[in-house]
C-alpha cells in the first residue's frame, strides 16, 4: 500500500483496504469505537497505518485484532499472538513472592521485545526462535538460563492449555 493505495477517504470516515490470507479486507479506522473523521491529520495517519499494515503483511506478523480490535474479523479466528500468550502466562503466576513476579514481568517484557508481542504463535517456529536466541546479546549464561525458564514456561502453558 503506497500513497493513494489502500486508503479510502469517505464522507464521514476513513477505510483501509488490503488483502489478508487471500481475502480482500476493508476496515474503518476508529478511535474509541467511533469512525475517524477524514481530516488532513487523520488521513496522513491512515497512510502511516496502511504502510505499517503492508510491512506486517510482508513479514507475516500482521494481526487484524491489533490494528482493528473492534472488527468482527478480529474475533473470528484471529491468530493468538506471543504477547497475548505471555500475558496470560504471567496472569497464571499466582501465589509467588513479589520479587519473583517482578522478575517474570521483566522477562516477559524482554521476550515481547525480542520475539515481537504481535507475532502470531504459528510464526514462532523452532528455526525462528533459534535465530532470535542466537542473535540476542545475552549478558551472561546465567541471564540466558533465567530468561529461558520464563520462555519455556510460556510455551509449556500454551501447549498444556490454561488449566
C-alpha atoms as a PDB file:
ATOM      1  CA  UNK A   1       0.000   0.000   0.000  1.00  0.00           C
ATOM      2  CA  UNK A   2       1.562   3.239  -1.005  1.00  0.00           C
ATOM      3  CA  UNK A   3       0.194   6.769  -1.005  1.00  0.00           C
ATOM      4  CA  UNK A   4      -3.196   6.715  -2.703  1.00  0.00           C
ATOM      5  CA  UNK A   5      -3.354   2.922  -2.485  1.00  0.00           C
ATOM      6  CA  UNK A   6      -5.064   1.200   0.407  1.00  0.00           C
ATOM      7  CA  UNK A   7      -6.672   4.311   1.922  1.00  0.00           C
ATOM      8  CA  UNK A   8     -10.250   5.211   1.080  1.00  0.00           C
ATOM      9  CA  UNK A   9     -11.430   8.628   2.262  1.00  0.00           C
ATOM     10  CA  UNK A  10     -15.199   8.647   2.694  1.00  0.00           C
ATOM     11  CA  UNK A  11     -17.608  11.419   3.655  1.00  0.00           C
ATOM     12  CA  UNK A  12     -17.534  10.662   7.387  1.00  0.00           C
ATOM     13  CA  UNK A  13     -14.802   8.054   7.811  1.00  0.00           C
ATOM     14  CA  UNK A  14     -11.560   6.597   6.513  1.00  0.00           C
ATOM     15  CA  UNK A  15     -11.268   2.979   5.408  1.00  0.00           C
ATOM     16  CA  UNK A  16      -8.198   0.906   4.723  1.00  0.00           C
ATOM     17  CA  UNK A  17      -8.254  -1.975   2.310  1.00  0.00           C
ATOM     18  CA  UNK A  18      -5.765  -4.792   1.963  1.00  0.00           C
ATOM     19  CA  UNK A  19      -5.536  -8.497   1.191  1.00  0.00           C
ATOM     20  CA  UNK A  20      -5.068 -10.757   4.197  1.00  0.00           C
ATOM     21  CA  UNK A  21      -4.917 -14.551   3.955  1.00  0.00           C
ATOM     22  CA  UNK A  22      -6.183 -14.346   0.381  1.00  0.00           C
ATOM     23  CA  UNK A  23      -9.247 -12.272   1.270  1.00  0.00           C
ATOM     24  CA  UNK A  24      -9.827  -8.623   0.439  1.00  0.00           C
ATOM     25  CA  UNK A  25     -10.482  -6.715   3.656  1.00  0.00           C
ATOM     26  CA  UNK A  26     -11.939  -3.245   4.195  1.00  0.00           C
ATOM     27  CA  UNK A  27     -11.673  -1.862   7.703  1.00  0.00           C
ATOM     28  CA  UNK A  28     -12.734   1.518   9.061  1.00  0.00           C
ATOM     29  CA  UNK A  29     -10.233   3.351  11.247  1.00  0.00           C
ATOM     30  CA  UNK A  30     -11.750   4.131  14.631  1.00  0.00           C
ATOM     31  CA  UNK A  31     -10.906   5.973  17.810  1.00  0.00           C
ATOM     32  CA  UNK A  32     -12.743   4.975  20.987  1.00  0.00           C
ATOM     33  CA  UNK A  33     -15.176   2.943  18.894  1.00  0.00           C
ATOM     34  CA  UNK A  34     -16.123   5.839  16.600  1.00  0.00           C
ATOM     35  CA  UNK A  35     -15.025   6.251  12.963  1.00  0.00           C
ATOM     36  CA  UNK A  36     -12.066   8.547  12.479  1.00  0.00           C
ATOM     37  CA  UNK A  37     -13.168  11.731  10.711  1.00  0.00           C
ATOM     38  CA  UNK A  38     -11.499  12.446   7.341  1.00  0.00           C
ATOM     39  CA  UNK A  39      -9.360  15.408   8.406  1.00  0.00           C
ATOM     40  CA  UNK A  40      -5.931  16.072   6.920  1.00  0.00           C
ATOM     41  CA  UNK A  41      -4.052  14.806  10.023  1.00  0.00           C
ATOM     42  CA  UNK A  42      -6.257  11.699  10.206  1.00  0.00           C
ATOM     43  CA  UNK A  43      -5.723  10.972   6.508  1.00  0.00           C
ATOM     44  CA  UNK A  44      -1.955  11.270   7.000  1.00  0.00           C
ATOM     45  CA  UNK A  45      -2.294   8.912   9.989  1.00  0.00           C
ATOM     46  CA  UNK A  46      -4.277   6.488   7.808  1.00  0.00           C
ATOM     47  CA  UNK A  47      -1.454   6.377   5.270  1.00  0.00           C
ATOM     48  CA  UNK A  48       1.052   5.608   8.049  1.00  0.00           C
ATOM     49  CA  UNK A  49      -1.196   2.836   9.371  1.00  0.00           C
ATOM     50  CA  UNK A  50      -1.597   1.459   5.835  1.00  0.00           C
ATOM     51  CA  UNK A  51       2.185   1.377   5.455  1.00  0.00           C
ATOM     52  CA  UNK A  52       2.580  -0.389   8.827  1.00  0.00           C
ATOM     53  CA  UNK A  53      -0.031  -2.957   7.766  1.00  0.00           C
ATOM     54  CA  UNK A  54       1.765  -3.523   4.454  1.00  0.00           C
ATOM     55  CA  UNK A  55       5.059  -4.137   6.264  1.00  0.00           C
ATOM     56  CA  UNK A  56       3.442  -6.553   8.708  1.00  0.00           C
ATOM     57  CA  UNK A  57       1.709  -8.394   5.868  1.00  0.00           C
ATOM     58  CA  UNK A  58       5.022  -8.651   4.025  1.00  0.00           C
ATOM     59  CA  UNK A  59       6.876 -10.123   7.010  1.00  0.00           C
ATOM     60  CA  UNK A  60       3.990 -12.332   8.183  1.00  0.00           C
ATOM     61  CA  UNK A  61       3.354 -10.658  11.535  1.00  0.00           C
ATOM     62  CA  UNK A  62       0.075  -8.889  10.740  1.00  0.00           C
ATOM     63  CA  UNK A  63      -2.741  -9.302  13.271  1.00  0.00           C
ATOM     64  CA  UNK A  64      -6.093  -7.812  12.353  1.00  0.00           C
ATOM     65  CA  UNK A  65      -7.018  -7.668  16.044  1.00  0.00           C
ATOM     66  CA  UNK A  66      -4.031  -5.431  16.770  1.00  0.00           C
ATOM     67  CA  UNK A  67      -4.965  -2.841  14.150  1.00  0.00           C
ATOM     68  CA  UNK A  68      -8.754  -3.220  14.210  1.00  0.00           C
ATOM     69  CA  UNK A  69      -9.814  -4.606  17.607  1.00  0.00           C
ATOM     70  CA  UNK A  70     -13.492  -3.737  17.013  1.00  0.00           C
ATOM     71  CA  UNK A  71     -13.632  -5.615  13.712  1.00  0.00           C
ATOM     72  CA  UNK A  72     -15.777  -8.742  13.531  1.00  0.00           C
ATOM     73  CA  UNK A  73     -12.803 -10.328  11.733  1.00  0.00           C
ATOM     74  CA  UNK A  74     -10.683  -9.786  14.852  1.00  0.00           C
ATOM     75  CA  UNK A  75     -12.888 -12.150  16.829  1.00  0.00           C
ATOM     76  CA  UNK A  76     -13.146 -14.743  14.057  1.00  0.00           C
ATOM     77  CA  UNK A  77     -10.107 -16.925  14.001  1.00  0.00           C
ATOM     78  CA  UNK A  78      -7.638 -14.208  14.858  1.00  0.00           C
ATOM     79  CA  UNK A  79      -4.359 -15.955  15.499  1.00  0.00           C
ATOM     80  CA  UNK A  80      -3.196 -15.808  19.081  1.00  0.00           C
ATOM     81  CA  UNK A  81      -0.094 -13.690  19.439  1.00  0.00           C
ATOM     82  CA  UNK A  82       3.005 -14.274  21.505  1.00  0.00           C
ATOM     83  CA  UNK A  83       2.186 -11.163  23.583  1.00  0.00           C
ATOM     84  CA  UNK A  84      -1.272 -12.496  24.451  1.00  0.00           C
ATOM     85  CA  UNK A  85       0.153 -15.863  25.451  1.00  0.00           C
ATOM     86  CA  UNK A  86       2.920 -14.291  27.552  1.00  0.00           C
ATOM     87  CA  UNK A  87       0.424 -12.015  29.329  1.00  0.00           C
ATOM     88  CA  UNK A  88      -1.895 -14.954  30.051  1.00  0.00           C
ATOM     89  CA  UNK A  89       1.026 -17.000  31.398  1.00  0.00           C
ATOM     90  CA  UNK A  90       2.060 -14.127  33.662  1.00  0.00           C
ATOM     91  CA  UNK A  91      -1.517 -13.800  34.988  1.00  0.00           C
ATOM     92  CA  UNK A  92      -1.426 -17.501  35.865  1.00  0.00           C
ATOM     93  CA  UNK A  93       1.549 -16.993  38.190  1.00  0.00           C
ATOM     94  CA  UNK A  94      -0.278 -16.546  41.476  1.00  0.00           C
ATOM     95  CA  UNK A  95       0.936 -17.217  44.976  1.00  0.00           C
ATOM     96  CA  UNK A  96       4.543 -16.302  44.222  1.00  0.00           C
ATOM     97  CA  UNK A  97       6.787 -13.844  46.004  1.00  0.00           C
ATOM     98  CA  UNK A  98       6.556 -10.275  44.700  1.00  0.00           C
ATOM     99  CA  UNK A  99      10.235 -10.315  43.685  1.00  0.00           C
ATOM    100  CA  UNK A 100       9.702 -13.459  41.591  1.00  0.00           C
ATOM    101  CA  UNK A 101       6.675 -11.951  39.856  1.00  0.00           C
ATOM    102  CA  UNK A 102       8.713  -8.804  39.122  1.00  0.00           C
ATOM    103  CA  UNK A 103      11.492 -10.920  37.588  1.00  0.00           C
ATOM    104  CA  UNK A 104       8.930 -12.782  35.487  1.00  0.00           C
ATOM    105  CA  UNK A 105       7.337  -9.483  34.409  1.00  0.00           C
ATOM    106  CA  UNK A 106      10.740  -8.157  33.294  1.00  0.00           C
ATOM    107  CA  UNK A 107      11.482 -11.368  31.416  1.00  0.00           C
ATOM    108  CA  UNK A 108       8.086 -11.285  29.676  1.00  0.00           C
ATOM    109  CA  UNK A 109       8.724  -7.680  28.592  1.00  0.00           C
ATOM    110  CA  UNK A 110      12.111  -8.678  27.188  1.00  0.00           C
ATOM    111  CA  UNK A 111      10.661 -11.666  25.326  1.00  0.00           C
ATOM    112  CA  UNK A 112       7.932  -9.465  23.846  1.00  0.00           C
ATOM    113  CA  UNK A 113      10.629  -7.122  22.506  1.00  0.00           C
ATOM    114  CA  UNK A 114      12.815  -9.941  21.190  1.00  0.00           C
ATOM    115  CA  UNK A 115      10.089 -12.141  19.699  1.00  0.00           C
ATOM    116  CA  UNK A 116       7.519  -9.424  18.952  1.00  0.00           C
ATOM    117  CA  UNK A 117       4.382  -9.103  21.047  1.00  0.00           C
ATOM    118  CA  UNK A 118       2.179  -9.113  17.946  1.00  0.00           C
ATOM    119  CA  UNK A 119       3.871 -12.122  16.338  1.00  0.00           C
ATOM    120  CA  UNK A 120       1.338 -14.900  15.686  1.00  0.00           C
ATOM    121  CA  UNK A 121       2.283 -18.056  17.556  1.00  0.00           C
ATOM    122  CA  UNK A 122       2.357 -20.119  14.396  1.00  0.00           C
ATOM    123  CA  UNK A 123       5.136 -17.850  13.094  1.00  0.00           C
ATOM    124  CA  UNK A 124       7.361 -18.784  16.040  1.00  0.00           C
ATOM    125  CA  UNK A 125       8.860 -21.912  14.554  1.00  0.00           C
ATOM    126  CA  UNK A 126      11.883 -23.663  16.015  1.00  0.00           C
ATOM    127  CA  UNK A 127      14.060 -22.016  13.367  1.00  0.00           C
ATOM    128  CA  UNK A 128      12.677 -18.525  14.101  1.00  0.00           C
ATOM    129  CA  UNK A 129      13.194 -18.971  17.848  1.00  0.00           C
ATOM    130  CA  UNK A 130      16.716 -20.333  17.422  1.00  0.00           C
ATOM    131  CA  UNK A 131      17.654 -17.384  15.201  1.00  0.00           C
ATOM    132  CA  UNK A 132      16.275 -14.837  17.696  1.00  0.00           C
ATOM    133  CA  UNK A 133      18.032 -16.532  20.603  1.00  0.00           C
ATOM    134  CA  UNK A 134      21.291 -16.676  18.702  1.00  0.00           C
ATOM    135  CA  UNK A 135      21.314 -13.019  17.703  1.00  0.00           C
ATOM    136  CA  UNK A 136      20.324 -11.641  21.119  1.00  0.00           C
ATOM    137  CA  UNK A 137      23.279 -10.244  23.132  1.00  0.00           C
ATOM    138  CA  UNK A 138      22.949 -12.147  26.420  1.00  0.00           C
ATOM    139  CA  UNK A 139      24.857 -10.585  29.312  1.00  0.00           C
ATOM    140  CA  UNK A 140      25.817 -13.994  30.742  1.00  0.00           C
ATOM    141  CA  UNK A 141      24.992 -17.676  30.642  1.00  0.00           C
ATOM    142  CA  UNK A 142      23.084 -17.269  33.919  1.00  0.00           C
ATOM    143  CA  UNK A 143      20.941 -14.465  32.466  1.00  0.00           C
ATOM    144  CA  UNK A 144      20.239 -16.631  29.409  1.00  0.00           C
ATOM    145  CA  UNK A 145      19.170 -19.534  31.636  1.00  0.00           C
ATOM    146  CA  UNK A 146      16.908 -17.317  33.778  1.00  0.00           C
ATOM    147  CA  UNK A 147      15.162 -15.886  30.709  1.00  0.00           C
ATOM    148  CA  UNK A 148      14.827 -19.358  29.215  1.00  0.00           C
ATOM    149  CA  UNK A 149      12.986 -20.551  32.334  1.00  0.00           C
ATOM    150  CA  UNK A 150      10.304 -17.976  31.547  1.00  0.00           C
ATOM    151  CA  UNK A 151      10.250 -18.766  27.813  1.00  0.00           C
ATOM    152  CA  UNK A 152       9.841 -22.491  28.493  1.00  0.00           C
ATOM    153  CA  UNK A 153       7.054 -21.723  30.954  1.00  0.00           C
ATOM    154  CA  UNK A 154       5.221 -19.555  28.424  1.00  0.00           C
ATOM    155  CA  UNK A 155       5.385 -22.167  25.653  1.00  0.00           C
ATOM    156  CA  UNK A 156       4.532 -25.036  28.015  1.00  0.00           C
ATOM    157  CA  UNK A 157       1.499 -23.022  29.136  1.00  0.00           C
ATOM    158  CA  UNK A 158       0.320 -22.831  25.510  1.00  0.00           C
ATOM    159  CA  UNK A 159       0.789 -26.486  24.753  1.00  0.00           C
ATOM    160  CA  UNK A 160      -0.588 -27.759  28.067  1.00  0.00           C
ATOM    161  CA  UNK A 161      -3.569 -25.430  27.956  1.00  0.00           C
ATOM    162  CA  UNK A 162      -4.583 -22.948  30.603  1.00  0.00           C
ATOM    163  CA  UNK A 163      -5.516 -25.492  33.253  1.00  0.00           C
END
